[in-house]
Amino acid sequence: MIRVLLVDDQPLIRSGFRALLEAEDDIEVVAEAADGLQGLTEARTHRPDIALMDIQMPVLDGIEATRQIAVDENLADTHVVILTNYGLDEYVFHALKAGAAGFLVKDIQPEDFLHAVRVAARGDALLAPSITRKLIDRYVSRPPHPNGDLPQLTNREREAVTLVAQGLSNDEIATTMVISPLTAKTHVNRAMMKLHARDRAQLVVIAYETGLVVPHSS
């Protein structure tokens, strides 16, 4: 069962998402919150698998709420998915840097929304590589370093991170690197640990910020 927390200051948005989610046999809405601070309280109480988080809210905004969830060891298994009205914007980028697993536009089709919740619950990033490149190209201020500024990684870990940033799954990384899926997963997990990345989405952001992957490159 996928356990979901809804955090949005608009009751109509919350009720719409709740209706969609609770119609599914494998999803349960465990709590709702109308601001980021209340969302933090509910997250710590219920420890959901997914926190669907609005960005602009009273009391505490979604970016700071996401950051506090990301650094809370008791919420290590909670994946934050940002809800936005605007698509690609600076708020989304900062939310991803803060530890969000991805983002969804609120006018998403119901079937795509439900699929996205399940993807996030598996720990996969909700970011297409093309979208990530647009975000990074627009909002990363430091110039890229072609060789990547990640000396703490082994060559194989760097290669795995590059492939993650290109949108490949662990199985696809294994095929590309000619290694087993378990070894591919190990390389990715070690890179995340060394770079203090909460999940694959944050790993992608780091790869672009350090220049390991350059915007608009193939």
Protein backbone atom coordinates (compact mmCIF):
# COMPACT_ATOMS: atom_id res chain seq x y z
CA MET A 1 0.00 0.00 0.00
CA ILE A 2 1.35 3.43 -1.00
CA ARG A 3 0.72 5.93 1.79
CA VAL A 4 0.26 9.55 0.65
CA LEU A 5 0.24 12.92 2.43
CA LEU A 6 -1.44 15.85 0.63
CA VAL A 7 0.00 19.32 1.41
CA ASP A 8 -1.75 22.20 -0.37
CA ASP A 9 -3.45 25.36 0.87
CA GLN A 10 -6.36 24.93 -1.56
CA PRO A 11 -9.04 22.57 -0.18
CA LEU A 12 -10.48 21.94 -3.65
CA ILE A 13 -7.10 20.75 -4.95
CA ARG A 14 -6.67 18.44 -1.98
CA SER A 15 -10.16 16.97 -2.29
CA GLY A 16 -9.68 16.34 -6.02
CA PHE A 17 -6.40 14.54 -5.51
CA ARG A 18 -7.81 12.60 -2.54
CA ALA A 19 -10.74 11.37 -4.63
CA LEU A 20 -8.40 10.16 -7.37
CA LEU A 21 -5.99 8.46 -4.99
CA GLU A 22 -8.51 6.76 -2.76
CA ALA A 23 -10.26 5.20 -5.75
CA GLU A 24 -7.12 3.06 -6.20
CA ASP A 25 -6.71 -0.23 -4.34
CA ASP A 26 -2.99 0.25 -3.73
CA ILE A 27 -3.01 3.88 -2.52
CA GLU A 28 -4.12 5.39 0.79
CA VAL A 29 -4.27 9.08 1.76
CA VAL A 30 -3.08 9.10 5.38
CA ALA A 31 -3.35 12.86 6.06
CA GLU A 32 -3.84 16.35 4.62
CA ALA A 33 -2.25 19.69 5.48
CA ALA A 34 -2.98 23.28 4.46
CA ASP A 35 0.55 24.68 4.91
CA GLY A 36 4.13 23.51 5.02
CA LEU A 37 4.44 23.54 8.79
CA GLN A 38 1.36 21.42 9.25
CA GLY A 39 2.67 19.20 6.46
CA LEU A 40 5.89 18.63 8.40
CA THR A 41 3.92 17.68 11.49
CA GLU A 42 1.76 15.23 9.55
CA ALA A 43 4.80 13.78 7.78
CA ARG A 44 6.53 13.12 11.10
CA THR A 45 3.36 11.61 12.53
CA HIS A 46 2.44 9.33 9.63
CA ARG A 47 5.76 8.82 7.79
CA PRO A 48 4.10 8.55 4.36
CA ASP A 49 5.72 7.06 1.29
CA ILE A 50 4.81 10.14 -0.76
CA ALA A 51 4.26 13.77 0.25
CA LEU A 52 2.51 15.71 -2.53
CA MET A 53 3.70 19.24 -1.77
CA ASP A 54 2.53 22.60 -3.08
CA ILE A 55 5.27 25.23 -3.35
CA GLN A 56 3.65 28.53 -2.40
CA MET A 57 1.83 28.15 0.92
CA PRO A 58 1.34 30.22 4.09
CA VAL A 59 3.32 29.75 7.34
CA LEU A 60 6.03 27.60 5.69
CA ASP A 61 6.48 27.21 1.94
CA GLY A 62 6.89 23.91 0.16
CA ILE A 63 10.59 24.35 -0.55
CA GLU A 64 11.52 24.74 3.11
CA ALA A 65 9.13 21.95 4.11
CA THR A 66 10.81 19.73 1.52
CA ARG A 67 14.26 20.65 2.84
CA GLN A 68 13.28 19.76 6.40
CA ILE A 69 11.79 16.44 5.32
CA ALA A 70 14.94 15.65 3.35
CA VAL A 71 17.25 16.13 6.34
CA ASP A 72 15.03 14.24 8.80
CA GLU A 73 16.49 10.75 9.20
CA ASN A 74 13.10 9.46 10.37
CA LEU A 75 11.64 10.49 7.00
CA ALA A 76 14.31 8.92 4.81
CA ASP A 77 11.67 6.79 3.05
CA THR A 78 9.35 9.73 2.33
CA HIS A 79 9.57 11.01 -1.25
CA VAL A 80 8.42 14.58 -1.83
CA VAL A 81 6.69 15.34 -5.13
CA ILE A 82 6.21 19.04 -5.83
CA LEU A 83 2.84 20.25 -7.15
CA THR A 84 2.99 23.36 -9.30
CA ASN A 85 0.66 25.44 -11.45
CA TYR A 86 3.46 26.82 -13.56
CA GLY A 87 5.62 23.98 -14.84
CA LEU A 88 9.29 24.86 -15.25
CA ASP A 89 10.26 27.69 -12.93
CA GLU A 90 12.88 28.67 -10.39
CA TYR A 91 10.77 27.39 -7.50
CA VAL A 92 10.76 23.89 -8.97
CA PHE A 93 14.53 23.93 -9.38
CA HIS A 94 15.08 25.02 -5.77
CA ALA A 95 12.64 22.34 -4.59
CA LEU A 96 14.62 19.69 -6.43
CA LYS A 97 17.83 20.98 -4.88
CA ALA A 98 16.11 20.82 -1.50
CA GLY A 99 15.44 17.11 -1.99
CA ALA A 100 12.21 16.70 -3.95
CA ALA A 101 11.96 13.53 -6.02
CA GLY A 102 10.26 15.34 -8.90
CA PHE A 103 7.38 17.60 -9.78
CA LEU A 104 3.90 17.45 -11.29
CA VAL A 105 1.84 20.19 -12.91
CA LYS A 106 -1.60 20.39 -11.27
CA ASP A 107 -3.51 20.09 -14.56
CA ILE A 108 -1.96 16.66 -15.22
CA GLN A 109 -4.25 13.95 -16.60
CA PRO A 110 -5.62 11.63 -13.85
CA GLU A 111 -4.00 8.49 -15.25
CA ASP A 112 -0.64 10.24 -15.53
CA PHE A 113 -0.97 11.54 -11.98
CA LEU A 114 -1.60 8.07 -10.58
CA HIS A 115 1.29 6.64 -12.58
CA ALA A 116 3.58 9.37 -11.26
CA VAL A 117 2.66 8.59 -7.65
CA ARG A 118 3.57 4.95 -8.19
CA VAL A 119 6.84 5.89 -9.90
CA ALA A 120 7.81 8.15 -7.00
CA ALA A 121 6.90 5.45 -4.48
CA ARG A 122 9.43 3.14 -6.14
CA GLY A 123 12.10 5.78 -5.54
CA ASP A 124 12.46 6.78 -9.19
CA ALA A 125 12.81 10.41 -10.23
CA LEU A 126 9.86 12.20 -11.85
CA LEU A 127 12.01 14.13 -14.30
CA ALA A 128 12.56 13.58 -17.98
CA PRO A 129 16.17 14.38 -18.99
CA SER A 130 14.96 17.06 -21.41
CA ILE A 131 13.09 18.85 -18.63
CA THR A 132 16.08 18.59 -16.32
CA ARG A 133 18.35 20.13 -18.94
CA LYS A 134 15.98 23.07 -19.35
CA LEU A 135 15.87 23.64 -15.59
CA ILE A 136 19.62 23.43 -15.16
CA ASP A 137 20.38 25.55 -18.21
CA ARG A 138 18.08 28.27 -16.94
CA TYR A 139 18.87 28.32 -13.22
CA VAL A 140 22.36 26.95 -12.56
CA SER A 141 24.55 30.03 -12.23
CA ARG A 142 28.03 28.54 -11.99
CA PRO A 143 29.82 27.72 -15.27
CA PRO A 144 30.08 24.02 -16.07
CA HIS A 145 33.34 22.12 -15.70
CA PRO A 146 33.65 19.69 -18.61
CA ASN A 147 35.36 17.01 -16.54
CA GLY A 148 32.95 17.22 -13.62
CA ASP A 149 33.91 18.44 -10.17
CA LEU A 150 33.33 15.12 -8.38
CA PRO A 151 36.76 13.83 -7.29
CA GLN A 152 35.25 11.72 -4.50
CA LEU A 153 33.67 9.36 -7.04
CA THR A 154 35.38 6.46 -8.75
CA ASN A 155 35.42 6.44 -12.54
CA ARG A 156 32.68 3.81 -12.61
CA GLU A 157 30.54 5.80 -10.19
CA ARG A 158 30.99 8.91 -12.32
CA GLU A 159 29.93 6.94 -15.38
CA ALA A 160 26.85 5.64 -13.55
CA VAL A 161 25.87 9.16 -12.43
CA THR A 162 26.23 10.42 -16.00
CA LEU A 163 23.85 7.69 -17.18
CA VAL A 164 21.38 8.47 -14.38
CA ALA A 165 21.39 12.09 -15.58
CA GLN A 166 20.57 10.83 -19.07
CA GLY A 167 17.44 9.19 -17.68
CA LEU A 168 18.58 5.54 -17.69
CA SER A 169 17.23 2.99 -15.21
CA ASN A 170 19.55 0.67 -13.28
CA ASP A 171 18.91 -2.12 -15.80
CA GLU A 172 19.77 0.19 -18.69
CA ILE A 173 22.89 1.41 -16.87
CA ALA A 174 23.93 -2.20 -16.36
CA THR A 175 23.56 -2.93 -20.08
CA THR A 176 25.48 0.20 -21.09
CA MET A 177 28.31 -0.41 -18.63
CA VAL A 178 28.31 -4.19 -19.23
CA ILE A 179 27.82 -5.01 -15.56
CA SER A 180 25.09 -6.71 -13.55
CA PRO A 181 22.00 -4.72 -12.45
CA LEU A 182 23.05 -5.24 -8.83
CA THR A 183 26.47 -3.71 -9.51
CA ALA A 184 24.85 -0.80 -11.34
CA LYS A 185 22.57 -0.20 -8.36
CA THR A 186 25.60 -0.34 -6.05
CA HIS A 187 27.47 2.28 -8.11
CA VAL A 188 24.42 4.59 -8.07
CA ASN A 189 23.78 4.13 -4.36
CA ARG A 190 27.44 4.75 -3.45
CA ALA A 191 27.47 7.91 -5.56
CA MET A 192 24.32 9.12 -3.83
CA MET A 193 25.88 8.44 -0.43
CA LYS A 194 29.15 10.19 -1.26
CA LEU A 195 27.37 13.22 -2.73
CA HIS A 196 24.73 13.32 0.02
CA ALA A 197 21.99 13.04 -2.60
CA ARG A 198 18.64 12.00 -1.21
CA ASP A 199 17.48 10.33 -4.40
CA ARG A 200 18.08 10.06 -8.13
CA ALA A 201 16.50 13.44 -8.87
CA GLN A 202 18.97 15.21 -6.61
CA LEU A 203 21.79 13.16 -8.13
CA VAL A 204 20.77 14.48 -11.55
CA VAL A 205 20.85 18.08 -10.30
CA ILE A 206 24.35 17.56 -8.86
CA ALA A 207 25.55 16.05 -12.14
CA TYR A 208 24.49 19.14 -14.05
CA GLU A 209 25.63 21.64 -11.43
CA THR A 210 29.15 20.22 -11.33
CA GLY A 211 29.43 19.92 -15.09
CA LEU A 212 29.60 16.12 -15.15
CA VAL A 213 26.75 16.46 -17.62
CA VAL A 214 26.59 19.71 -19.63
CA PRO A 215 23.20 21.28 -20.52
CA HIS A 216 22.11 20.60 -24.10
CA SER A 217 24.77 17.95 -24.51
CA SER A 218 23.73 14.52 -25.68
